[in-house]
Amino acid sequence: MDLADKKLILNQGQLPGRGKKYQDHFWKQSIKYIREGRSFGLIHDGQILSRATVEPIDYGGGNIAVATNEKHRKKGYGKMVVSAAVNWCFDHDILPIYHVRSDNVASIALARSLGFRPKNKEIIVKHWPSDADKRYRVKINYYSGK
């Protein structure tokens, strides 16, 4: 991904509906990740097909966040960007961790296809205000055994 992709990045998925404050925060983090080489994406005809980012977490781990355009799922694009993110982690001596909602069957299948295995569960109690109806979420952390 590149800094010139700002408009594409901020117009993907649920971001347009989350408000300016959230978008500003998201873009500020995106700038950092792009400059550090932690952001990977497939773009075609001015549209992001799939995007993965390695978000830093404590103790040498990197949370891999992935989003694939609904129209372009089941084509291997998510696997491509997550694979690039995992390779980046290994090149930088970072443990790749795949954080996913427990009800996201497709994303869990993607993680498993790349060799990730369940590590633990955590409960997210509070999230962004626009997610008020989804305050209690169970997520599963995955880690790579490679």
N, C-alpha and C. Protein backbone atom coordinates (compact mmCIF):
# COMPACT_ATOMS: atom_id res chain seq x y z
N MET A 1 0.85 -1.17 0.00
CA MET A 1 0.00 0.00 0.00
C MET A 1 0.90 1.24 0.00
N ASP A 2 0.33 2.34 -0.41
CA ASP A 2 1.08 3.57 -0.57
C ASP A 2 0.27 4.72 0.03
N LEU A 3 0.96 5.80 0.42
CA LEU A 3 0.26 6.95 0.99
C LEU A 3 -0.72 7.56 -0.02
N ALA A 4 -0.45 7.38 -1.29
CA ALA A 4 -1.35 7.90 -2.33
C ALA A 4 -2.68 7.15 -2.36
N ASP A 5 -2.76 6.03 -1.66
CA ASP A 5 -3.99 5.22 -1.63
C ASP A 5 -4.96 5.65 -0.53
N LYS A 6 -4.75 6.82 0.05
CA LYS A 6 -5.59 7.28 1.18
C LYS A 6 -7.08 7.21 0.87
N LYS A 7 -7.49 7.76 -0.27
CA LYS A 7 -8.92 7.80 -0.61
C LYS A 7 -9.48 6.38 -0.72
N LEU A 8 -8.73 5.48 -1.36
CA LEU A 8 -9.17 4.09 -1.47
C LEU A 8 -9.30 3.44 -0.10
N ILE A 9 -8.32 3.67 0.75
CA ILE A 9 -8.29 3.05 2.08
C ILE A 9 -9.47 3.53 2.92
N LEU A 10 -9.72 4.84 2.92
CA LEU A 10 -10.77 5.40 3.77
C LEU A 10 -12.19 5.15 3.23
N ASN A 11 -12.30 4.68 2.00
CA ASN A 11 -13.61 4.39 1.43
C ASN A 11 -13.92 2.91 1.38
N GLN A 12 -13.14 2.10 2.08
CA GLN A 12 -13.36 0.65 2.05
C GLN A 12 -14.20 0.20 3.24
N GLY A 13 -14.91 -0.89 3.04
CA GLY A 13 -15.64 -1.56 4.12
C GLY A 13 -16.54 -0.64 4.92
N GLN A 14 -16.41 -0.71 6.24
CA GLN A 14 -17.26 0.04 7.15
C GLN A 14 -16.71 1.43 7.48
N LEU A 15 -15.52 1.76 7.00
CA LEU A 15 -14.90 3.04 7.36
C LEU A 15 -15.74 4.27 7.02
N PRO A 16 -16.36 4.34 5.84
CA PRO A 16 -17.13 5.55 5.54
C PRO A 16 -18.25 5.85 6.55
N GLY A 17 -18.81 4.83 7.16
CA GLY A 17 -19.91 5.03 8.10
C GLY A 17 -19.48 5.25 9.54
N ARG A 18 -18.19 5.23 9.82
CA ARG A 18 -17.71 5.33 11.20
C ARG A 18 -17.43 6.75 11.66
N GLY A 19 -17.51 7.71 10.80
CA GLY A 19 -17.33 9.10 11.21
C GLY A 19 -15.90 9.59 11.04
N LYS A 20 -15.77 10.90 10.99
CA LYS A 20 -14.49 11.55 10.73
C LYS A 20 -13.44 11.28 11.80
N LYS A 21 -13.83 11.29 13.06
CA LYS A 21 -12.87 11.07 14.15
C LYS A 21 -12.21 9.69 14.01
N TYR A 22 -13.01 8.67 13.76
CA TYR A 22 -12.48 7.32 13.59
C TYR A 22 -11.61 7.25 12.34
N GLN A 23 -12.09 7.85 11.24
CA GLN A 23 -11.32 7.82 10.00
C GLN A 23 -9.97 8.52 10.17
N ASP A 24 -9.95 9.66 10.86
CA ASP A 24 -8.69 10.37 11.12
C ASP A 24 -7.73 9.50 11.91
N HIS A 25 -8.24 8.84 12.93
CA HIS A 25 -7.42 7.93 13.74
C HIS A 25 -6.90 6.77 12.87
N PHE A 26 -7.78 6.19 12.08
CA PHE A 26 -7.41 5.07 11.23
C PHE A 26 -6.33 5.48 10.23
N TRP A 27 -6.49 6.66 9.61
CA TRP A 27 -5.52 7.12 8.63
C TRP A 27 -4.16 7.42 9.29
N LYS A 28 -4.19 8.00 10.47
CA LYS A 28 -2.93 8.28 11.18
C LYS A 28 -2.16 6.98 11.41
N GLN A 29 -2.86 5.93 11.84
CA GLN A 29 -2.20 4.63 12.03
C GLN A 29 -1.76 4.05 10.69
N SER A 30 -2.59 4.21 9.66
CA SER A 30 -2.25 3.68 8.34
C SER A 30 -0.97 4.30 7.80
N ILE A 31 -0.80 5.60 8.00
CA ILE A 31 0.43 6.28 7.56
C ILE A 31 1.65 5.61 8.19
N LYS A 32 1.59 5.40 9.48
CA LYS A 32 2.69 4.76 10.20
C LYS A 32 2.97 3.37 9.64
N TYR A 33 1.94 2.57 9.47
CA TYR A 33 2.12 1.19 8.99
C TYR A 33 2.63 1.15 7.55
N ILE A 34 2.14 2.06 6.70
CA ILE A 34 2.60 2.11 5.31
C ILE A 34 4.09 2.47 5.28
N ARG A 35 4.47 3.49 6.04
CA ARG A 35 5.88 3.91 6.06
C ARG A 35 6.80 2.82 6.59
N GLU A 36 6.31 2.01 7.52
CA GLU A 36 7.11 0.93 8.09
C GLU A 36 7.07 -0.34 7.24
N GLY A 37 6.29 -0.33 6.16
CA GLY A 37 6.18 -1.50 5.29
C GLY A 37 5.27 -2.58 5.83
N ARG A 38 4.39 -2.24 6.79
CA ARG A 38 3.50 -3.20 7.45
C ARG A 38 2.15 -3.33 6.77
N SER A 39 1.93 -2.70 5.64
CA SER A 39 0.62 -2.68 5.00
C SER A 39 0.73 -3.27 3.60
N PHE A 40 -0.14 -4.23 3.30
CA PHE A 40 -0.09 -4.97 2.05
C PHE A 40 -1.47 -4.97 1.41
N GLY A 41 -1.52 -4.78 0.10
CA GLY A 41 -2.82 -4.76 -0.53
C GLY A 41 -2.77 -5.13 -2.00
N LEU A 42 -3.91 -5.55 -2.49
CA LEU A 42 -4.11 -5.81 -3.91
C LEU A 42 -5.13 -4.79 -4.41
N ILE A 43 -4.72 -4.01 -5.39
CA ILE A 43 -5.57 -2.97 -5.96
C ILE A 43 -5.75 -3.25 -7.45
N HIS A 44 -6.99 -3.15 -7.92
CA HIS A 44 -7.28 -3.34 -9.34
C HIS A 44 -8.39 -2.38 -9.74
N ASP A 45 -8.19 -1.67 -10.83
CA ASP A 45 -9.18 -0.71 -11.34
C ASP A 45 -9.64 0.27 -10.26
N GLY A 46 -8.70 0.80 -9.49
CA GLY A 46 -9.03 1.79 -8.48
C GLY A 46 -9.81 1.27 -7.30
N GLN A 47 -9.71 -0.02 -7.05
CA GLN A 47 -10.46 -0.64 -5.95
C GLN A 47 -9.53 -1.57 -5.17
N ILE A 48 -9.61 -1.51 -3.84
CA ILE A 48 -8.85 -2.43 -3.01
C ILE A 48 -9.59 -3.77 -3.00
N LEU A 49 -8.93 -4.81 -3.50
CA LEU A 49 -9.53 -6.13 -3.49
C LEU A 49 -9.35 -6.79 -2.13
N SER A 50 -8.15 -6.64 -1.56
CA SER A 50 -7.86 -7.20 -0.24
C SER A 50 -6.70 -6.43 0.36
N ARG A 51 -6.71 -6.32 1.69
CA ARG A 51 -5.68 -5.56 2.39
C ARG A 51 -5.37 -6.24 3.71
N ALA A 52 -4.08 -6.29 4.05
CA ALA A 52 -3.65 -6.81 5.35
C ALA A 52 -2.64 -5.84 5.94
N THR A 53 -2.69 -5.70 7.25
CA THR A 53 -1.78 -4.83 7.97
C THR A 53 -1.26 -5.59 9.19
N VAL A 54 0.02 -5.38 9.49
CA VAL A 54 0.60 -5.95 10.71
C VAL A 54 0.62 -4.84 11.74
N GLU A 55 -0.24 -4.96 12.74
CA GLU A 55 -0.32 -3.96 13.81
C GLU A 55 0.57 -4.42 14.96
N PRO A 56 1.44 -3.54 15.43
CA PRO A 56 2.36 -3.96 16.50
C PRO A 56 1.63 -4.20 17.82
N ILE A 57 2.04 -5.26 18.51
CA ILE A 57 1.56 -5.54 19.86
C ILE A 57 2.76 -5.87 20.72
N ASP A 58 2.56 -5.94 22.01
CA ASP A 58 3.67 -6.16 22.94
C ASP A 58 4.36 -7.51 22.76
N TYR A 59 5.58 -7.56 23.25
CA TYR A 59 6.35 -8.80 23.37
C TYR A 59 6.67 -9.46 22.04
N GLY A 60 6.98 -8.66 21.03
CA GLY A 60 7.45 -9.21 19.76
C GLY A 60 6.40 -9.82 18.87
N GLY A 61 5.15 -9.49 19.09
CA GLY A 61 4.08 -10.02 18.25
C GLY A 61 3.53 -8.97 17.32
N GLY A 62 2.90 -9.40 16.25
CA GLY A 62 2.26 -8.50 15.31
C GLY A 62 0.87 -9.02 14.96
N ASN A 63 -0.15 -8.23 15.23
CA ASN A 63 -1.53 -8.61 14.93
C ASN A 63 -1.80 -8.37 13.45
N ILE A 64 -2.15 -9.43 12.75
CA ILE A 64 -2.46 -9.30 11.33
C ILE A 64 -3.95 -9.04 11.17
N ALA A 65 -4.27 -7.86 10.64
CA ALA A 65 -5.66 -7.49 10.36
C ALA A 65 -5.86 -7.59 8.85
N VAL A 66 -6.93 -8.23 8.43
CA VAL A 66 -7.18 -8.41 7.00
C VAL A 66 -8.63 -8.08 6.66
N ALA A 67 -8.80 -7.49 5.48
CA ALA A 67 -10.14 -7.21 4.97
C ALA A 67 -10.13 -7.46 3.47
N THR A 68 -11.13 -8.18 3.00
CA THR A 68 -11.26 -8.45 1.57
C THR A 68 -12.63 -7.96 1.11
N ASN A 69 -12.64 -7.26 0.00
CA ASN A 69 -13.87 -6.76 -0.58
C ASN A 69 -14.83 -7.93 -0.79
N GLU A 70 -16.07 -7.77 -0.36
CA GLU A 70 -17.05 -8.86 -0.43
C GLU A 70 -17.20 -9.44 -1.84
N LYS A 71 -17.09 -8.60 -2.86
CA LYS A 71 -17.25 -9.06 -4.23
C LYS A 71 -16.06 -9.91 -4.70
N HIS A 72 -14.97 -9.85 -3.95
CA HIS A 72 -13.75 -10.52 -4.39
C HIS A 72 -13.26 -11.59 -3.42
N ARG A 73 -14.16 -12.09 -2.60
CA ARG A 73 -13.79 -13.16 -1.68
C ARG A 73 -13.77 -14.51 -2.41
N LYS A 74 -13.11 -15.47 -1.80
CA LYS A 74 -12.99 -16.84 -2.35
C LYS A 74 -12.18 -16.88 -3.65
N LYS A 75 -11.27 -15.90 -3.82
CA LYS A 75 -10.41 -15.87 -5.01
C LYS A 75 -8.93 -15.98 -4.64
N GLY A 76 -8.64 -16.11 -3.34
CA GLY A 76 -7.25 -16.24 -2.90
C GLY A 76 -6.57 -14.93 -2.58
N TYR A 77 -7.28 -13.80 -2.70
CA TYR A 77 -6.66 -12.50 -2.46
C TYR A 77 -6.30 -12.29 -0.99
N GLY A 78 -7.19 -12.72 -0.10
CA GLY A 78 -6.91 -12.61 1.33
C GLY A 78 -5.68 -13.43 1.69
N LYS A 79 -5.59 -14.60 1.14
CA LYS A 79 -4.45 -15.47 1.40
C LYS A 79 -3.15 -14.82 0.92
N MET A 80 -3.21 -14.15 -0.22
CA MET A 80 -2.01 -13.50 -0.77
C MET A 80 -1.52 -12.38 0.15
N VAL A 81 -2.44 -11.51 0.61
CA VAL A 81 -1.99 -10.38 1.43
C VAL A 81 -1.59 -10.83 2.83
N VAL A 82 -2.28 -11.83 3.38
CA VAL A 82 -1.90 -12.35 4.70
C VAL A 82 -0.55 -13.05 4.61
N SER A 83 -0.31 -13.79 3.53
CA SER A 83 0.99 -14.44 3.34
C SER A 83 2.11 -13.40 3.30
N ALA A 84 1.87 -12.29 2.59
CA ALA A 84 2.87 -11.22 2.54
C ALA A 84 3.11 -10.64 3.94
N ALA A 85 2.04 -10.47 4.70
CA ALA A 85 2.16 -9.94 6.07
C ALA A 85 2.95 -10.91 6.96
N VAL A 86 2.65 -12.20 6.85
CA VAL A 86 3.36 -13.22 7.64
C VAL A 86 4.84 -13.22 7.28
N ASN A 87 5.16 -13.16 5.99
CA ASN A 87 6.56 -13.13 5.57
C ASN A 87 7.27 -11.90 6.11
N TRP A 88 6.57 -10.75 6.11
CA TRP A 88 7.14 -9.53 6.66
C TRP A 88 7.46 -9.73 8.15
N CYS A 89 6.52 -10.36 8.85
CA CYS A 89 6.75 -10.63 10.28
C CYS A 89 8.01 -11.47 10.48
N PHE A 90 8.12 -12.56 9.73
CA PHE A 90 9.28 -13.44 9.87
C PHE A 90 10.57 -12.69 9.54
N ASP A 91 10.54 -11.84 8.50
CA ASP A 91 11.72 -11.07 8.11
C ASP A 91 12.14 -10.07 9.18
N HIS A 92 11.20 -9.67 10.04
CA HIS A 92 11.46 -8.68 11.08
C HIS A 92 11.44 -9.29 12.49
N ASP A 93 11.54 -10.60 12.56
CA ASP A 93 11.59 -11.32 13.84
C ASP A 93 10.39 -10.99 14.73
N ILE A 94 9.22 -10.97 14.11
CA ILE A 94 7.96 -10.69 14.81
C ILE A 94 7.08 -11.93 14.69
N LEU A 95 6.45 -12.32 15.79
CA LEU A 95 5.54 -13.46 15.79
C LEU A 95 4.21 -13.01 15.18
N PRO A 96 3.79 -13.59 14.04
CA PRO A 96 2.50 -13.20 13.45
C PRO A 96 1.34 -13.78 14.25
N ILE A 97 0.40 -12.92 14.60
CA ILE A 97 -0.78 -13.32 15.35
C ILE A 97 -2.01 -12.89 14.54
N TYR A 98 -2.93 -13.82 14.36
CA TYR A 98 -4.12 -13.59 13.56
C TYR A 98 -5.29 -13.46 14.54
N HIS A 99 -5.81 -12.26 14.66
CA HIS A 99 -6.88 -11.95 15.61
C HIS A 99 -8.20 -11.92 14.83
N VAL A 100 -9.16 -12.75 15.23
CA VAL A 100 -10.38 -12.86 14.44
C VAL A 100 -11.59 -13.10 15.34
N ARG A 101 -12.74 -12.59 14.92
CA ARG A 101 -13.98 -12.87 15.65
C ARG A 101 -14.29 -14.36 15.56
N SER A 102 -14.78 -14.91 16.65
CA SER A 102 -15.04 -16.35 16.71
C SER A 102 -16.14 -16.80 15.76
N ASP A 103 -16.98 -15.87 15.28
CA ASP A 103 -18.05 -16.25 14.35
C ASP A 103 -17.67 -15.99 12.89
N ASN A 104 -16.43 -15.57 12.64
CA ASN A 104 -15.99 -15.29 11.28
C ASN A 104 -15.37 -16.56 10.67
N VAL A 105 -16.24 -17.46 10.25
CA VAL A 105 -15.84 -18.78 9.76
C VAL A 105 -14.87 -18.69 8.59
N ALA A 106 -15.13 -17.79 7.64
CA ALA A 106 -14.26 -17.68 6.46
C ALA A 106 -12.86 -17.22 6.85
N SER A 107 -12.77 -16.26 7.76
CA SER A 107 -11.46 -15.77 8.17
C SER A 107 -10.69 -16.83 8.97
N ILE A 108 -11.40 -17.59 9.79
CA ILE A 108 -10.76 -18.67 10.54
C ILE A 108 -10.23 -19.73 9.55
N ALA A 109 -11.00 -20.02 8.51
CA ALA A 109 -10.55 -20.98 7.50
C ALA A 109 -9.30 -20.46 6.79
N LEU A 110 -9.27 -19.16 6.50
CA LEU A 110 -8.08 -18.56 5.89
C LEU A 110 -6.87 -18.71 6.80
N ALA A 111 -7.06 -18.40 8.09
CA ALA A 111 -5.95 -18.52 9.05
C ALA A 111 -5.44 -19.95 9.11
N ARG A 112 -6.33 -20.89 9.20
CA ARG A 112 -5.93 -22.31 9.28
C ARG A 112 -5.22 -22.77 8.00
N SER A 113 -5.67 -22.26 6.85
CA SER A 113 -5.04 -22.66 5.58
C SER A 113 -3.60 -22.19 5.50
N LEU A 114 -3.26 -21.19 6.29
CA LEU A 114 -1.89 -20.67 6.31
C LEU A 114 -1.08 -21.22 7.48
N GLY A 115 -1.64 -22.16 8.22
CA GLY A 115 -0.89 -22.81 9.30
C GLY A 115 -1.09 -22.22 10.68
N PHE A 116 -2.01 -21.27 10.82
CA PHE A 116 -2.30 -20.72 12.14
C PHE A 116 -3.13 -21.73 12.93
N ARG A 117 -2.92 -21.75 14.23
CA ARG A 117 -3.65 -22.65 15.12
C ARG A 117 -4.20 -21.84 16.30
N PRO A 118 -5.36 -22.25 16.86
CA PRO A 118 -5.94 -21.51 17.99
C PRO A 118 -4.97 -21.41 19.16
N LYS A 119 -4.92 -20.23 19.76
CA LYS A 119 -4.05 -20.00 20.92
C LYS A 119 -4.89 -19.71 22.16
N ASN A 120 -5.76 -18.72 22.08
CA ASN A 120 -6.59 -18.38 23.23
C ASN A 120 -7.80 -17.56 22.79
N LYS A 121 -8.70 -17.31 23.73
CA LYS A 121 -9.87 -16.47 23.48
C LYS A 121 -9.80 -15.26 24.38
N GLU A 122 -10.37 -14.17 23.90
CA GLU A 122 -10.49 -12.99 24.75
C GLU A 122 -11.84 -12.35 24.49
N ILE A 123 -12.32 -11.64 25.47
CA ILE A 123 -13.60 -10.94 25.35
C ILE A 123 -13.31 -9.45 25.28
N ILE A 124 -13.83 -8.82 24.22
CA ILE A 124 -13.69 -7.38 24.06
C ILE A 124 -14.95 -6.76 24.68
N VAL A 125 -14.78 -5.96 25.73
CA VAL A 125 -15.92 -5.39 26.44
C VAL A 125 -16.37 -4.07 25.84
N LYS A 126 -15.45 -3.22 25.44
CA LYS A 126 -15.82 -1.92 24.90
C LYS A 126 -15.11 -1.72 23.58
N HIS A 127 -15.82 -1.13 22.63
CA HIS A 127 -15.27 -0.88 21.32
C HIS A 127 -15.63 0.54 20.93
N TRP A 128 -15.49 0.91 19.70
CA TRP A 128 -15.84 2.25 19.25
C TRP A 128 -17.34 2.51 19.47
N PRO A 129 -17.71 3.76 19.77
CA PRO A 129 -19.12 4.08 20.04
C PRO A 129 -20.08 3.64 18.92
N SER A 130 -19.64 3.67 17.68
CA SER A 130 -20.53 3.27 16.58
C SER A 130 -20.84 1.78 16.62
N ASP A 131 -20.09 1.03 17.44
CA ASP A 131 -20.32 -0.41 17.58
C ASP A 131 -21.08 -0.73 18.86
N ALA A 132 -21.87 0.21 19.36
CA ALA A 132 -22.54 0.04 20.65
C ALA A 132 -23.38 -1.23 20.71
N ASP A 133 -23.95 -1.62 19.58
CA ASP A 133 -24.78 -2.82 19.57
C ASP A 133 -23.94 -4.09 19.58
N LYS A 134 -22.62 -3.96 19.43
CA LYS A 134 -21.74 -5.12 19.38
C LYS A 134 -20.69 -5.03 20.49
N ARG A 135 -21.06 -4.58 21.66
CA ARG A 135 -20.09 -4.34 22.73
C ARG A 135 -19.40 -5.59 23.24
N TYR A 136 -20.08 -6.67 23.29
CA TYR A 136 -19.49 -7.89 23.83
C TYR A 136 -19.18 -8.83 22.70
N ARG A 137 -17.92 -8.95 22.38
CA ARG A 137 -17.47 -9.79 21.28
C ARG A 137 -16.47 -10.80 21.79
N VAL A 138 -16.61 -11.99 21.35
CA VAL A 138 -15.61 -13.00 21.66
C VAL A 138 -14.72 -13.12 20.43
N LYS A 139 -13.42 -13.04 20.65
CA LYS A 139 -12.47 -13.17 19.56
C LYS A 139 -11.50 -14.29 19.89
N ILE A 140 -10.88 -14.82 18.87
CA ILE A 140 -9.86 -15.83 19.04
C ILE A 140 -8.56 -15.30 18.49
N ASN A 141 -7.49 -15.41 19.28
CA ASN A 141 -6.17 -15.10 18.77
C ASN A 141 -5.61 -16.36 18.13
N TYR A 142 -5.01 -16.21 16.97
CA TYR A 142 -4.33 -17.33 16.35
C TYR A 142 -2.85 -16.98 16.30
N TYR A 143 -2.01 -17.97 16.32
CA TYR A 143 -0.59 -17.72 16.18
C TYR A 143 -0.04 -18.71 15.18
N SER A 144 1.07 -18.36 14.61
CA SER A 144 1.69 -19.25 13.64
C SER A 144 2.71 -20.12 14.33
N GLY A 145 2.69 -21.39 14.03
CA GLY A 145 3.64 -22.32 14.62
C GLY A 145 4.90 -22.46 13.79
N LYS A 146 5.03 -21.66 12.74
CA LYS A 146 6.18 -21.77 11.84
C LYS A 146 7.46 -21.29 12.49
